[in-house]
C-alpha atoms as a PDB file:
ATOM      1  CA  UNK A   1    -106.964-223.758-183.539  1.00  0.00           C
ATOM      2  CA  UNK A   2    -108.480-226.223-181.070  1.00  0.00           C
ATOM      3  CA  UNK A   3    -105.192-226.463-179.151  1.00  0.00           C
ATOM      4  CA  UNK A   4    -105.045-222.675-178.816  1.00  0.00           C
ATOM      5  CA  UNK A   5    -108.630-222.547-177.591  1.00  0.00           C
ATOM      6  CA  UNK A   6    -107.959-225.328-175.091  1.00  0.00           C
ATOM      7  CA  UNK A   7    -104.863-223.487-173.863  1.00  0.00           C
ATOM      8  CA  UNK A   8    -106.893-220.284-173.361  1.00  0.00           C
ATOM      9  CA  UNK A   9    -109.568-222.189-171.440  1.00  0.00           C
ATOM     10  CA  UNK A  10    -106.913-223.874-169.322  1.00  0.00           C
ATOM     11  CA  UNK A  11    -105.289-220.514-168.590  1.00  0.00           C
ATOM     12  CA  UNK A  12    -108.650-218.995-167.614  1.00  0.00           C
ATOM     13  CA  UNK A  13    -109.354-221.990-165.369  1.00  0.00           C
ATOM     14  CA  UNK A  14    -105.947-221.672-163.710  1.00  0.00           C
ATOM     15  CA  UNK A  15    -106.445-217.933-163.103  1.00  0.00           C
ATOM     16  CA  UNK A  16    -109.878-218.558-161.592  1.00  0.00           C
ATOM     17  CA  UNK A  17    -108.566-221.378-159.391  1.00  0.00           C
ATOM     18  CA  UNK A  18    -105.605-219.244-158.318  1.00  0.00           C
ATOM     19  CA  UNK A  19    -107.876-216.333-157.430  1.00  0.00           C
ATOM     20  CA  UNK A  20    -110.199-218.614-155.487  1.00  0.00           C
ATOM     21  CA  UNK A  21    -107.307-220.213-153.634  1.00  0.00           C
ATOM     22  CA  UNK A  22    -105.919-216.798-152.753  1.00  0.00           C
ATOM     23  CA  UNK A  23    -109.304-215.649-151.426  1.00  0.00           C
ATOM     24  CA  UNK A  24    -109.649-218.817-149.339  1.00  0.00           C
ATOM     25  CA  UNK A  25    -106.139-218.483-147.882  1.00  0.00           C
ATOM     26  CA  UNK A  26    -106.760-214.820-146.987  1.00  0.00           C
ATOM     27  CA  UNK A  27    -110.004-215.748-145.211  1.00  0.00           C
ATOM     28  CA  UNK A  28    -108.316-218.616-143.345  1.00  0.00           C
ATOM     29  CA  UNK A  29    -105.492-216.344-142.168  1.00  0.00           C
ATOM     30  CA  UNK A  30    -107.946-213.619-141.145  1.00  0.00           C
ATOM     31  CA  UNK A  31    -110.057-216.139-139.211  1.00  0.00           C
ATOM     32  CA  UNK A  32    -106.973-217.580-137.521  1.00  0.00           C
ATOM     33  CA  UNK A  33    -105.826-214.105-136.519  1.00  0.00           C
ATOM     34  CA  UNK A  34    -109.244-213.256-135.051  1.00  0.00           C
ATOM     35  CA  UNK A  35    -109.473-216.600-133.265  1.00  0.00           C
ATOM     36  CA  UNK A  36    -105.954-216.113-131.894  1.00  0.00           C
ATOM     37  CA  UNK A  37    -106.847-212.653-130.601  1.00  0.00           C
ATOM     38  CA  UNK A  38    -110.069-214.038-129.125  1.00  0.00           C
ATOM     39  CA  UNK A  39    -108.249-216.828-127.294  1.00  0.00           C
ATOM     40  CA  UNK A  40    -105.556-214.445-126.068  1.00  0.00           C
ATOM     41  CA  UNK A  41    -108.057-211.904-124.741  1.00  0.00           C
ATOM     42  CA  UNK A  42    -110.266-214.538-123.133  1.00  0.00           C
ATOM     43  CA  UNK A  43    -107.298-216.062-121.347  1.00  0.00           C
ATOM     44  CA  UNK A  44    -105.915-212.717-120.184  1.00  0.00           C
ATOM     45  CA  UNK A  45    -109.262-211.340-119.032  1.00  0.00           C
ATOM     46  CA  UNK A  46    -110.157-214.534-117.165  1.00  0.00           C
ATOM     47  CA  UNK A  47    -106.967-214.185-115.098  1.00  0.00           C
ATOM     48  CA  UNK A  48    -106.838-210.442-114.452  1.00  0.00           C
ATOM     49  CA  UNK A  49    -108.693-207.158-114.788  1.00  0.00           C
ATOM     50  CA  UNK A  50    -108.412-205.797-118.302  1.00  0.00           C
ATOM     51  CA  UNK A  51    -108.349-202.365-119.848  1.00  0.00           C
ATOM     52  CA  UNK A  52    -111.310-200.697-121.484  1.00  0.00           C
ATOM     53  CA  UNK A  53    -109.634-201.222-124.847  1.00  0.00           C
ATOM     54  CA  UNK A  54    -109.278-204.981-124.262  1.00  0.00           C
ATOM     55  CA  UNK A  55    -112.900-205.389-123.203  1.00  0.00           C
ATOM     56  CA  UNK A  56    -113.987-203.268-126.193  1.00  0.00           C
ATOM     57  CA  UNK A  57    -111.925-205.385-128.586  1.00  0.00           C
ATOM     58  CA  UNK A  58    -113.348-208.608-127.143  1.00  0.00           C
ATOM     59  CA  UNK A  59    -116.868-207.174-127.356  1.00  0.00           C
ATOM     60  CA  UNK A  60    -116.259-206.317-131.009  1.00  0.00           C
ATOM     61  CA  UNK A  61    -115.130-209.866-131.760  1.00  0.00           C
ATOM     62  CA  UNK A  62    -118.266-211.212-130.087  1.00  0.00           C
ATOM     63  CA  UNK A  63    -120.374-208.816-132.185  1.00  0.00           C
ATOM     64  CA  UNK A  64    -118.747-210.162-135.348  1.00  0.00           C
ATOM     65  CA  UNK A  65    -119.530-213.683-134.172  1.00  0.00           C
ATOM     66  CA  UNK A  66    -123.125-212.656-133.398  1.00  0.00           C
ATOM     67  CA  UNK A  67    -122.667-213.525-129.700  1.00  0.00           C
ATOM     68  CA  UNK A  68    -124.566-210.470-128.523  1.00  0.00           C
ATOM     69  CA  UNK A  69    -124.985-211.350-124.851  1.00  0.00           C
ATOM     70  CA  UNK A  70    -121.224-211.818-124.466  1.00  0.00           C
ATOM     71  CA  UNK A  71    -120.611-208.618-126.430  1.00  0.00           C
ATOM     72  CA  UNK A  72    -122.914-206.662-124.097  1.00  0.00           C
ATOM     73  CA  UNK A  73    -121.174-208.054-121.029  1.00  0.00           C
ATOM     74  CA  UNK A  74    -117.760-207.029-122.369  1.00  0.00           C
ATOM     75  CA  UNK A  75    -118.889-203.564-123.432  1.00  0.00           C
ATOM     76  CA  UNK A  76    -120.303-203.053-119.937  1.00  0.00           C
ATOM     77  CA  UNK A  77    -116.966-204.163-118.450  1.00  0.00           C
ATOM     78  CA  UNK A  78    -115.261-201.685-120.782  1.00  0.00           C
ATOM     79  CA  UNK A  79    -117.486-198.924-119.411  1.00  0.00           C
ATOM     80  CA  UNK A  80    -116.560-199.887-115.844  1.00  0.00           C
ATOM     81  CA  UNK A  81    -112.881-199.975-116.764  1.00  0.00           C
ATOM     82  CA  UNK A  82    -113.189-196.506-118.311  1.00  0.00           C
ATOM     83  CA  UNK A  83    -114.202-195.147-114.911  1.00  0.00           C
ATOM     84  CA  UNK A  84    -110.743-196.131-113.657  1.00  0.00           C
ATOM     85  CA  UNK A  85    -108.874-194.925-116.730  1.00  0.00           C
ATOM     86  CA  UNK A  86    -108.462-191.519-118.299  1.00  0.00           C
ATOM     87  CA  UNK A  87    -110.409-191.836-121.567  1.00  0.00           C
ATOM     88  CA  UNK A  88    -111.365-189.244-124.112  1.00  0.00           C
ATOM     89  CA  UNK A  89    -115.066-188.905-124.978  1.00  0.00           C
ATOM     90  CA  UNK A  90    -114.594-190.308-128.491  1.00  0.00           C
ATOM     91  CA  UNK A  91    -113.350-193.642-127.145  1.00  0.00           C
ATOM     92  CA  UNK A  92    -116.211-193.793-124.678  1.00  0.00           C
ATOM     93  CA  UNK A  93    -118.662-193.028-127.510  1.00  0.00           C
ATOM     94  CA  UNK A  94    -117.321-196.040-129.434  1.00  0.00           C
ATOM     95  CA  UNK A  95    -118.143-198.293-126.496  1.00  0.00           C
ATOM     96  CA  UNK A  96    -121.684-196.918-126.204  1.00  0.00           C
ATOM     97  CA  UNK A  97    -122.204-197.326-129.948  1.00  0.00           C
ATOM     98  CA  UNK A  98    -121.036-200.954-129.780  1.00  0.00           C
ATOM     99  CA  UNK A  99    -123.334-201.569-126.850  1.00  0.00           C
ATOM    100  CA  UNK A 100    -126.193-199.989-128.790  1.00  0.00           C
ATOM    101  CA  UNK A 101    -125.469-202.193-131.770  1.00  0.00           C
ATOM    102  CA  UNK A 102    -125.548-205.334-129.611  1.00  0.00           C
ATOM    103  CA  UNK A 103    -128.922-204.330-128.178  1.00  0.00           C
ATOM    104  CA  UNK A 104    -130.193-203.456-131.668  1.00  0.00           C
ATOM    105  CA  UNK A 105    -129.204-206.905-132.940  1.00  0.00           C
ATOM    106  CA  UNK A 106    -131.313-208.402-130.141  1.00  0.00           C
ATOM    107  CA  UNK A 107    -134.245-206.160-131.147  1.00  0.00           C
ATOM    108  CA  UNK A 108    -134.017-204.208-127.883  1.00  0.00           C
ATOM    109  CA  UNK A 109    -134.461-200.920-129.699  1.00  0.00           C
ATOM    110  CA  UNK A 110    -135.116-198.686-126.687  1.00  0.00           C
ATOM    111  CA  UNK A 111    -131.826-199.777-125.084  1.00  0.00           C
ATOM    112  CA  UNK A 112    -130.076-199.394-128.419  1.00  0.00           C
ATOM    113  CA  UNK A 113    -131.395-195.847-128.848  1.00  0.00           C
ATOM    114  CA  UNK A 114    -130.402-194.936-125.291  1.00  0.00           C
ATOM    115  CA  UNK A 115    -126.818-196.096-125.900  1.00  0.00           C
ATOM    116  CA  UNK A 116    -126.569-194.465-129.326  1.00  0.00           C
ATOM    117  CA  UNK A 117    -127.773-191.193-127.826  1.00  0.00           C
ATOM    118  CA  UNK A 118    -125.197-191.461-125.049  1.00  0.00           C
ATOM    119  CA  UNK A 119    -122.517-191.941-127.728  1.00  0.00           C
ATOM    120  CA  UNK A 120    -123.814-188.812-129.451  1.00  0.00           C
ATOM    121  CA  UNK A 121    -123.870-186.842-126.195  1.00  0.00           C
ATOM    122  CA  UNK A 122    -120.180-187.659-125.742  1.00  0.00           C
ATOM    123  CA  UNK A 123    -119.227-187.175-129.388  1.00  0.00           C
ATOM    124  CA  UNK A 124    -121.886-185.110-131.214  1.00  0.00           C
ATOM    125  CA  UNK A 125    -120.311-185.453-134.682  1.00  0.00           C
ATOM    126  CA  UNK A 126    -120.312-189.271-134.541  1.00  0.00           C
ATOM    127  CA  UNK A 127    -122.318-189.910-137.705  1.00  0.00           C
ATOM    128  CA  UNK A 128    -122.229-193.699-137.399  1.00  0.00           C
ATOM    129  CA  UNK A 129    -124.097-193.476-134.081  1.00  0.00           C
ATOM    130  CA  UNK A 130    -126.538-190.994-135.617  1.00  0.00           C
ATOM    131  CA  UNK A 131    -127.195-193.348-138.548  1.00  0.00           C
ATOM    132  CA  UNK A 132    -127.694-196.139-136.023  1.00  0.00           C
ATOM    133  CA  UNK A 133    -130.228-194.039-134.094  1.00  0.00           C
ATOM    134  CA  UNK A 134    -132.115-193.474-137.333  1.00  0.00           C
ATOM    135  CA  UNK A 135    -132.117-197.194-138.071  1.00  0.00           C
ATOM    136  CA  UNK A 136    -133.410-198.021-134.581  1.00  0.00           C
ATOM    137  CA  UNK A 137    -136.163-195.425-134.947  1.00  0.00           C
ATOM    138  CA  UNK A 138    -137.093-197.001-138.260  1.00  0.00           C
ATOM    139  CA  UNK A 139    -137.391-200.419-136.640  1.00  0.00           C
ATOM    140  CA  UNK A 140    -139.685-198.895-134.024  1.00  0.00           C
ATOM    141  CA  UNK A 141    -141.758-197.351-136.862  1.00  0.00           C
ATOM    142  CA  UNK A 142    -140.919-193.836-135.648  1.00  0.00           C
ATOM    143  CA  UNK A 143    -140.556-192.503-139.166  1.00  0.00           C
ATOM    144  CA  UNK A 144    -140.378-188.799-138.301  1.00  0.00           C
ATOM    145  CA  UNK A 145    -137.577-189.270-135.755  1.00  0.00           C
ATOM    146  CA  UNK A 146    -135.702-191.592-138.120  1.00  0.00           C
ATOM    147  CA  UNK A 147    -135.919-189.070-140.953  1.00  0.00           C
ATOM    148  CA  UNK A 148    -134.712-186.298-138.639  1.00  0.00           C
ATOM    149  CA  UNK A 149    -131.702-188.407-137.630  1.00  0.00           C
ATOM    150  CA  UNK A 150    -130.771-189.147-141.244  1.00  0.00           C
ATOM    151  CA  UNK A 151    -131.197-185.519-142.260  1.00  0.00           C
ATOM    152  CA  UNK A 152    -128.954-184.496-139.376  1.00  0.00           C
ATOM    153  CA  UNK A 153    -126.288-186.864-140.731  1.00  0.00           C
ATOM    154  CA  UNK A 154    -126.679-185.342-144.187  1.00  0.00           C
ATOM    155  CA  UNK A 155    -126.165-181.837-142.784  1.00  0.00           C
ATOM    156  CA  UNK A 156    -122.658-182.764-141.672  1.00  0.00           C
ATOM    157  CA  UNK A 157    -121.926-185.397-144.343  1.00  0.00           C
ATOM    158  CA  UNK A 158    -123.953-184.655-147.497  1.00  0.00           C
ATOM    159  CA  UNK A 159    -122.434-187.629-149.329  1.00  0.00           C
ATOM    160  CA  UNK A 160    -123.210-190.209-146.613  1.00  0.00           C
ATOM    161  CA  UNK A 161    -124.717-192.978-148.739  1.00  0.00           C
ATOM    162  CA  UNK A 162    -126.519-194.738-145.884  1.00  0.00           C
ATOM    163  CA  UNK A 163    -128.262-191.606-144.653  1.00  0.00           C
ATOM    164  CA  UNK A 164    -129.046-190.484-148.207  1.00  0.00           C
ATOM    165  CA  UNK A 165    -130.605-193.821-149.173  1.00  0.00           C
ATOM    166  CA  UNK A 166    -132.606-194.201-145.941  1.00  0.00           C
ATOM    167  CA  UNK A 167    -133.813-190.578-145.944  1.00  0.00           C
ATOM    168  CA  UNK A 168    -135.054-190.903-149.535  1.00  0.00           C
ATOM    169  CA  UNK A 169    -136.897-194.087-148.647  1.00  0.00           C
ATOM    170  CA  UNK A 170    -138.502-192.487-145.583  1.00  0.00           C
ATOM    171  CA  UNK A 171    -139.513-189.354-147.508  1.00  0.00           C
ATOM    172  CA  UNK A 172    -141.401-191.575-149.969  1.00  0.00           C
ATOM    173  CA  UNK A 173    -143.226-193.244-147.085  1.00  0.00           C
ATOM    174  CA  UNK A 174    -144.128-189.942-145.452  1.00  0.00           C
ATOM    175  CA  UNK A 175    -145.324-188.267-148.685  1.00  0.00           C
END
């Protein structure tokens, strides 16, 4: 009986170690891929003018790394590159939303709101930007505007968990 129990424990330990090793390898490969893309984009963009998509991608990597100043600079370069390219409004809205997020992370809420609203002007059904506007309003303690933003999200996406959770929380504060 003790040998069977020891074998079960050993099997459980091996499964746990295997799962942990797999998770670590996946994270290492993901990090290497991101770092490779980062190095490639940095090298390319230091030698020549890039496309809006390249600057946007580099800005997104900087956001993930919490390098907000560099992210802002690259999103602004993406906006300048867009002027020279034929871009649809949805792509442009993504850039403005990323720029807004970078400003938000630096607690520059007015700039964040301005960029989120520009994203919404270009792409009115962009619920992520609308949620982000609500969050920025919350941080500025503009409860009524934040609640309006979340309720607007819920009109188009009734099952949006972020908007639902935040709106409920704000309604409790207002009541």
